[in-house]
Amino acid sequence: MRKDNVLNAMEQTKRKKVLFFDAWKRGVAYLGPELFGPGTLATAKDKNDLQPLPQAVEAIFARESGGVKQFIAAMVSFYDPVWGEELVDRIDCIKSICGLTYNLDHECTQILCELLLNYEGW
């Protein structure tokens, strides 16, 4: 690989991390910052400061329905695919991208699209 290609790839990776984190913070704000930690939206420096908090997520997941559950499961799956899949199994919907996003509003759909485009693993 040529030097300029390596530099371009490195720059894309930096940009993708910023874009992912920005979208992640919007998702956190949408669902409620109390579901994520150990940091806050104001103090978080990267995605590890805003990890889904299992007890808080499970409590809200048990109370919600429809699109909110779908969005929670989708967000969690970026952090922990196994846990995300377990949440999806508890939702009454078609288990596909279309099925999981069917009930989402435009804002949630846009957040998930940006997360997907910029995801490089947790």
N, C-alpha and C. Protein backbone atom coordinates (compact mmCIF):
# COMPACT_ATOMS: atom_id res chain seq x y z
N MET A 1 0.84 -1.17 0.00
CA MET A 1 0.00 0.00 0.00
C MET A 1 0.89 1.24 0.00
N ARG A 2 0.54 2.19 -0.83
CA ARG A 2 1.32 3.42 -0.91
C ARG A 2 1.14 4.27 0.34
N LYS A 3 2.15 5.10 0.60
CA LYS A 3 2.15 5.94 1.80
C LYS A 3 0.90 6.83 1.86
N ASP A 4 0.51 7.45 0.73
CA ASP A 4 -0.66 8.34 0.75
C ASP A 4 -1.95 7.56 1.02
N ASN A 5 -2.02 6.29 0.60
CA ASN A 5 -3.19 5.47 0.89
C ASN A 5 -3.26 5.14 2.38
N VAL A 6 -2.12 4.87 2.99
CA VAL A 6 -2.08 4.58 4.43
C VAL A 6 -2.51 5.82 5.22
N LEU A 7 -1.98 6.99 4.84
CA LEU A 7 -2.35 8.23 5.52
C LEU A 7 -3.83 8.52 5.34
N ASN A 8 -4.37 8.28 4.16
CA ASN A 8 -5.78 8.49 3.90
C ASN A 8 -6.62 7.55 4.76
N ALA A 9 -6.23 6.29 4.86
CA ALA A 9 -6.95 5.32 5.68
C ALA A 9 -6.91 5.73 7.15
N MET A 10 -5.77 6.21 7.61
CA MET A 10 -5.65 6.65 9.01
C MET A 10 -6.56 7.86 9.26
N GLU A 11 -6.61 8.79 8.33
CA GLU A 11 -7.46 9.96 8.47
C GLU A 11 -8.94 9.57 8.45
N GLN A 12 -9.30 8.62 7.59
CA GLN A 12 -10.68 8.14 7.55
C GLN A 12 -11.06 7.49 8.88
N THR A 13 -10.14 6.73 9.47
CA THR A 13 -10.40 6.08 10.74
C THR A 13 -10.65 7.12 11.83
N LYS A 14 -9.84 8.18 11.87
CA LYS A 14 -10.04 9.24 12.86
C LYS A 14 -11.41 9.89 12.67
N ARG A 15 -11.74 10.17 11.41
CA ARG A 15 -13.03 10.81 11.10
C ARG A 15 -14.19 9.90 11.47
N LYS A 16 -14.05 8.61 11.15
CA LYS A 16 -15.12 7.66 11.48
C LYS A 16 -15.34 7.57 12.98
N LYS A 17 -14.27 7.61 13.76
CA LYS A 17 -14.40 7.57 15.22
C LYS A 17 -15.18 8.79 15.73
N VAL A 18 -14.88 9.95 15.18
CA VAL A 18 -15.58 11.17 15.56
C VAL A 18 -17.05 11.08 15.17
N LEU A 19 -17.32 10.65 13.94
CA LEU A 19 -18.70 10.56 13.47
C LEU A 19 -19.49 9.52 14.27
N PHE A 20 -18.85 8.38 14.57
CA PHE A 20 -19.53 7.35 15.37
C PHE A 20 -19.86 7.92 16.75
N PHE A 21 -18.89 8.55 17.39
CA PHE A 21 -19.09 9.07 18.74
C PHE A 21 -20.17 10.15 18.76
N ASP A 22 -20.18 11.01 17.75
CA ASP A 22 -21.23 12.04 17.67
C ASP A 22 -22.62 11.40 17.56
N ALA A 23 -22.75 10.39 16.69
CA ALA A 23 -24.03 9.70 16.54
C ALA A 23 -24.38 8.95 17.83
N TRP A 24 -23.39 8.33 18.45
CA TRP A 24 -23.61 7.60 19.69
C TRP A 24 -24.15 8.56 20.77
N LYS A 25 -23.56 9.74 20.89
CA LYS A 25 -24.02 10.71 21.88
C LYS A 25 -25.46 11.14 21.60
N ARG A 26 -25.82 11.28 20.33
CA ARG A 26 -27.21 11.62 20.00
C ARG A 26 -28.15 10.50 20.41
N GLY A 27 -27.73 9.25 20.21
CA GLY A 27 -28.54 8.11 20.64
C GLY A 27 -28.67 8.07 22.15
N VAL A 28 -27.59 8.35 22.86
CA VAL A 28 -27.61 8.40 24.33
C VAL A 28 -28.57 9.49 24.80
N ALA A 29 -28.49 10.66 24.20
CA ALA A 29 -29.38 11.76 24.58
C ALA A 29 -30.84 11.39 24.31
N TYR A 30 -31.09 10.73 23.21
CA TYR A 30 -32.45 10.33 22.84
C TYR A 30 -33.02 9.34 23.85
N LEU A 31 -32.26 8.32 24.20
CA LEU A 31 -32.74 7.28 25.11
C LEU A 31 -32.74 7.71 26.56
N GLY A 32 -31.82 8.58 26.90
CA GLY A 32 -31.69 9.05 28.28
C GLY A 32 -30.30 8.77 28.79
N PRO A 33 -29.56 9.79 29.15
CA PRO A 33 -28.18 9.63 29.60
C PRO A 33 -28.03 8.77 30.85
N GLU A 34 -29.12 8.61 31.62
CA GLU A 34 -29.05 7.78 32.82
C GLU A 34 -28.88 6.29 32.50
N LEU A 35 -29.04 5.93 31.24
CA LEU A 35 -28.87 4.53 30.81
C LEU A 35 -27.42 4.21 30.43
N PHE A 36 -26.55 5.23 30.47
CA PHE A 36 -25.19 5.07 29.98
C PHE A 36 -24.19 5.64 30.98
N GLY A 37 -22.99 5.12 30.95
CA GLY A 37 -21.96 5.61 31.87
C GLY A 37 -20.65 4.88 31.63
N PRO A 38 -19.65 5.13 32.36
CA PRO A 38 -19.64 5.80 33.66
C PRO A 38 -19.63 7.31 33.56
N GLY A 39 -19.37 7.85 32.37
CA GLY A 39 -19.33 9.30 32.20
C GLY A 39 -20.71 9.87 31.92
N THR A 40 -20.71 11.14 31.58
CA THR A 40 -21.94 11.83 31.20
C THR A 40 -21.75 12.40 29.80
N LEU A 41 -22.82 12.89 29.21
CA LEU A 41 -22.70 13.52 27.89
C LEU A 41 -21.73 14.70 27.94
N ALA A 42 -21.71 15.41 29.05
CA ALA A 42 -20.84 16.58 29.18
C ALA A 42 -19.37 16.21 29.38
N THR A 43 -19.11 15.07 30.01
CA THR A 43 -17.73 14.71 30.34
C THR A 43 -17.13 13.64 29.43
N ALA A 44 -17.94 12.97 28.66
CA ALA A 44 -17.47 11.84 27.85
C ALA A 44 -16.44 12.28 26.81
N LYS A 45 -15.34 11.56 26.78
CA LYS A 45 -14.28 11.83 25.80
C LYS A 45 -14.33 10.84 24.63
N ASP A 46 -14.88 9.64 24.89
CA ASP A 46 -15.05 8.65 23.83
C ASP A 46 -16.18 7.70 24.20
N LYS A 47 -16.47 6.77 23.31
CA LYS A 47 -17.62 5.88 23.48
C LYS A 47 -17.54 5.06 24.77
N ASN A 48 -16.34 4.77 25.25
CA ASN A 48 -16.20 3.98 26.48
C ASN A 48 -16.69 4.71 27.71
N ASP A 49 -16.84 6.02 27.61
CA ASP A 49 -17.39 6.79 28.72
C ASP A 49 -18.92 6.72 28.75
N LEU A 50 -19.51 6.18 27.68
CA LEU A 50 -20.97 6.12 27.58
C LEU A 50 -21.43 4.71 27.20
N GLN A 51 -21.01 3.75 27.98
CA GLN A 51 -21.42 2.36 27.75
C GLN A 51 -22.82 2.14 28.32
N PRO A 52 -23.62 1.29 27.67
CA PRO A 52 -24.93 0.97 28.24
C PRO A 52 -24.76 0.33 29.63
N LEU A 53 -25.54 0.80 30.58
CA LEU A 53 -25.52 0.28 31.94
C LEU A 53 -26.57 -0.82 32.06
N PRO A 54 -26.15 -2.06 32.24
CA PRO A 54 -27.08 -3.20 32.18
C PRO A 54 -28.34 -3.07 33.02
N GLN A 55 -28.22 -2.72 34.30
CA GLN A 55 -29.41 -2.64 35.16
C GLN A 55 -30.38 -1.57 34.67
N ALA A 56 -29.86 -0.42 34.32
CA ALA A 56 -30.71 0.67 33.85
C ALA A 56 -31.37 0.33 32.53
N VAL A 57 -30.60 -0.25 31.61
CA VAL A 57 -31.14 -0.62 30.29
C VAL A 57 -32.21 -1.69 30.45
N GLU A 58 -31.93 -2.71 31.25
CA GLU A 58 -32.91 -3.79 31.42
C GLU A 58 -34.19 -3.27 32.06
N ALA A 59 -34.08 -2.34 32.99
CA ALA A 59 -35.28 -1.79 33.64
C ALA A 59 -36.15 -1.03 32.65
N ILE A 60 -35.55 -0.17 31.84
CA ILE A 60 -36.33 0.60 30.87
C ILE A 60 -36.85 -0.30 29.75
N PHE A 61 -36.04 -1.28 29.36
CA PHE A 61 -36.45 -2.22 28.31
C PHE A 61 -37.71 -2.98 28.72
N ALA A 62 -37.81 -3.33 29.99
CA ALA A 62 -38.98 -4.06 30.49
C ALA A 62 -40.24 -3.20 30.46
N ARG A 63 -40.10 -1.89 30.55
CA ARG A 63 -41.26 -0.98 30.60
C ARG A 63 -41.68 -0.47 29.23
N GLU A 64 -40.77 -0.42 28.29
CA GLU A 64 -41.06 0.19 26.99
C GLU A 64 -41.68 -0.81 26.01
N SER A 65 -42.05 -0.28 24.85
CA SER A 65 -42.58 -1.13 23.80
C SER A 65 -42.19 -0.56 22.43
N GLY A 66 -42.48 -1.31 21.38
CA GLY A 66 -42.32 -0.85 20.01
C GLY A 66 -40.95 -0.31 19.67
N GLY A 67 -40.97 0.89 19.08
CA GLY A 67 -39.76 1.49 18.55
C GLY A 67 -38.69 1.77 19.59
N VAL A 68 -39.10 2.11 20.81
CA VAL A 68 -38.10 2.39 21.85
C VAL A 68 -37.30 1.13 22.15
N LYS A 69 -38.00 0.00 22.30
CA LYS A 69 -37.30 -1.27 22.54
C LYS A 69 -36.37 -1.59 21.37
N GLN A 70 -36.84 -1.35 20.17
CA GLN A 70 -36.02 -1.64 18.99
C GLN A 70 -34.78 -0.77 18.96
N PHE A 71 -34.93 0.49 19.29
CA PHE A 71 -33.79 1.40 19.29
C PHE A 71 -32.79 1.04 20.40
N ILE A 72 -33.31 0.70 21.58
CA ILE A 72 -32.43 0.27 22.67
C ILE A 72 -31.63 -0.95 22.24
N ALA A 73 -32.31 -1.96 21.67
CA ALA A 73 -31.63 -3.19 21.25
C ALA A 73 -30.57 -2.89 20.19
N ALA A 74 -30.88 -2.01 19.27
CA ALA A 74 -29.93 -1.66 18.22
C ALA A 74 -28.71 -0.95 18.81
N MET A 75 -28.94 0.00 19.70
CA MET A 75 -27.82 0.71 20.32
C MET A 75 -26.95 -0.26 21.12
N VAL A 76 -27.58 -1.09 21.93
CA VAL A 76 -26.84 -2.06 22.74
C VAL A 76 -26.01 -2.98 21.87
N SER A 77 -26.54 -3.35 20.71
CA SER A 77 -25.82 -4.31 19.85
C SER A 77 -24.50 -3.77 19.33
N PHE A 78 -24.35 -2.46 19.23
CA PHE A 78 -23.05 -1.91 18.84
C PHE A 78 -22.03 -2.13 19.95
N TYR A 79 -22.48 -2.02 21.18
CA TYR A 79 -21.62 -2.20 22.34
C TYR A 79 -21.34 -3.67 22.62
N ASP A 80 -22.40 -4.48 22.60
CA ASP A 80 -22.29 -5.91 22.92
C ASP A 80 -23.28 -6.68 22.05
N PRO A 81 -22.81 -7.23 20.93
CA PRO A 81 -23.71 -7.91 19.99
C PRO A 81 -24.51 -9.06 20.62
N VAL A 82 -23.93 -9.76 21.56
CA VAL A 82 -24.64 -10.88 22.19
C VAL A 82 -25.81 -10.35 23.03
N TRP A 83 -25.55 -9.35 23.84
CA TRP A 83 -26.60 -8.74 24.65
C TRP A 83 -27.67 -8.12 23.74
N GLY A 84 -27.23 -7.44 22.68
CA GLY A 84 -28.17 -6.86 21.72
C GLY A 84 -29.08 -7.92 21.12
N GLU A 85 -28.51 -9.06 20.76
CA GLU A 85 -29.30 -10.16 20.20
C GLU A 85 -30.30 -10.70 21.22
N GLU A 86 -29.88 -10.79 22.47
CA GLU A 86 -30.79 -11.24 23.54
C GLU A 86 -31.98 -10.29 23.68
N LEU A 87 -31.71 -8.99 23.58
CA LEU A 87 -32.79 -8.01 23.64
C LEU A 87 -33.72 -8.14 22.44
N VAL A 88 -33.14 -8.29 21.26
CA VAL A 88 -33.94 -8.44 20.04
C VAL A 88 -34.86 -9.65 20.14
N ASP A 89 -34.36 -10.73 20.70
CA ASP A 89 -35.17 -11.95 20.85
C ASP A 89 -36.41 -11.71 21.72
N ARG A 90 -36.37 -10.67 22.56
CA ARG A 90 -37.49 -10.37 23.45
C ARG A 90 -38.47 -9.38 22.85
N ILE A 91 -38.22 -8.96 21.61
CA ILE A 91 -39.10 -8.01 20.93
C ILE A 91 -39.98 -8.77 19.94
N ASP A 92 -41.24 -8.39 19.89
CA ASP A 92 -42.16 -8.99 18.93
C ASP A 92 -42.05 -8.23 17.61
N CYS A 93 -41.09 -8.65 16.79
CA CYS A 93 -40.91 -8.03 15.48
C CYS A 93 -40.16 -9.01 14.59
N ILE A 94 -40.13 -8.70 13.31
CA ILE A 94 -39.35 -9.50 12.37
C ILE A 94 -37.88 -9.23 12.67
N LYS A 95 -37.11 -10.28 12.81
CA LYS A 95 -35.71 -10.16 13.23
C LYS A 95 -34.80 -9.90 12.03
N SER A 96 -34.94 -8.70 11.47
CA SER A 96 -34.10 -8.26 10.35
C SER A 96 -33.88 -6.76 10.50
N ILE A 97 -33.00 -6.22 9.69
CA ILE A 97 -32.76 -4.77 9.73
C ILE A 97 -34.08 -4.03 9.49
N CYS A 98 -34.82 -4.46 8.48
CA CYS A 98 -36.10 -3.79 8.18
C CYS A 98 -37.08 -3.95 9.34
N GLY A 99 -37.16 -5.14 9.90
CA GLY A 99 -38.08 -5.38 11.00
C GLY A 99 -37.72 -4.59 12.24
N LEU A 100 -36.43 -4.47 12.49
CA LEU A 100 -35.98 -3.75 13.68
C LEU A 100 -36.10 -2.23 13.55
N THR A 101 -36.15 -1.74 12.35
CA THR A 101 -36.20 -0.29 12.17
C THR A 101 -37.58 0.20 11.73
N TYR A 102 -38.51 -0.70 11.53
CA TYR A 102 -39.84 -0.35 11.02
C TYR A 102 -40.56 0.69 11.87
N ASN A 103 -40.49 0.56 13.18
CA ASN A 103 -41.21 1.46 14.08
C ASN A 103 -40.40 2.68 14.52
N LEU A 104 -39.22 2.86 13.98
CA LEU A 104 -38.37 3.96 14.43
C LEU A 104 -38.74 5.26 13.74
N ASP A 105 -38.62 6.35 14.48
CA ASP A 105 -38.82 7.66 13.87
C ASP A 105 -37.58 8.02 13.05
N HIS A 106 -37.68 9.12 12.32
CA HIS A 106 -36.59 9.52 11.42
C HIS A 106 -35.30 9.77 12.18
N GLU A 107 -35.39 10.39 13.35
CA GLU A 107 -34.18 10.69 14.13
C GLU A 107 -33.43 9.43 14.51
N CYS A 108 -34.15 8.43 15.01
CA CYS A 108 -33.51 7.16 15.41
C CYS A 108 -32.92 6.44 14.20
N THR A 109 -33.65 6.45 13.11
CA THR A 109 -33.15 5.80 11.88
C THR A 109 -31.87 6.47 11.42
N GLN A 110 -31.84 7.79 11.45
CA GLN A 110 -30.65 8.51 11.04
C GLN A 110 -29.46 8.21 11.96
N ILE A 111 -29.70 8.16 13.25
CA ILE A 111 -28.64 7.84 14.20
C ILE A 111 -28.07 6.46 13.90
N LEU A 112 -28.95 5.47 13.71
CA LEU A 112 -28.48 4.11 13.43
C LEU A 112 -27.72 4.04 12.11
N CYS A 113 -28.16 4.77 11.10
CA CYS A 113 -27.44 4.78 9.82
C CYS A 113 -26.02 5.33 10.00
N GLU A 114 -25.89 6.40 10.75
CA GLU A 114 -24.57 6.98 10.99
C GLU A 114 -23.69 6.04 11.82
N LEU A 115 -24.30 5.36 12.79
CA LEU A 115 -23.53 4.38 13.57
C LEU A 115 -23.05 3.25 12.67
N LEU A 116 -23.92 2.75 11.83
CA LEU A 116 -23.54 1.66 10.91
C LEU A 116 -22.43 2.08 9.96
N LEU A 117 -22.54 3.26 9.41
CA LEU A 117 -21.54 3.74 8.44
C LEU A 117 -20.17 3.94 9.07
N ASN A 118 -20.15 4.23 10.36
CA ASN A 118 -18.88 4.60 11.00
C ASN A 118 -18.41 3.61 12.07
N TYR A 119 -19.07 2.50 12.19
CA TYR A 119 -18.73 1.50 13.20
C TYR A 119 -17.44 0.78 12.84
N GLU A 120 -16.51 0.74 13.79
CA GLU A 120 -15.25 0.02 13.60
C GLU A 120 -15.00 -0.94 14.75
N GLY A 121 -16.07 -1.35 15.40
CA GLY A 121 -15.94 -2.24 16.55
C GLY A 121 -15.91 -1.44 17.82
N TRP A 122 -16.24 -2.10 18.88
CA TRP A 122 -16.22 -1.41 20.18
C TRP A 122 -14.85 -1.59 20.76
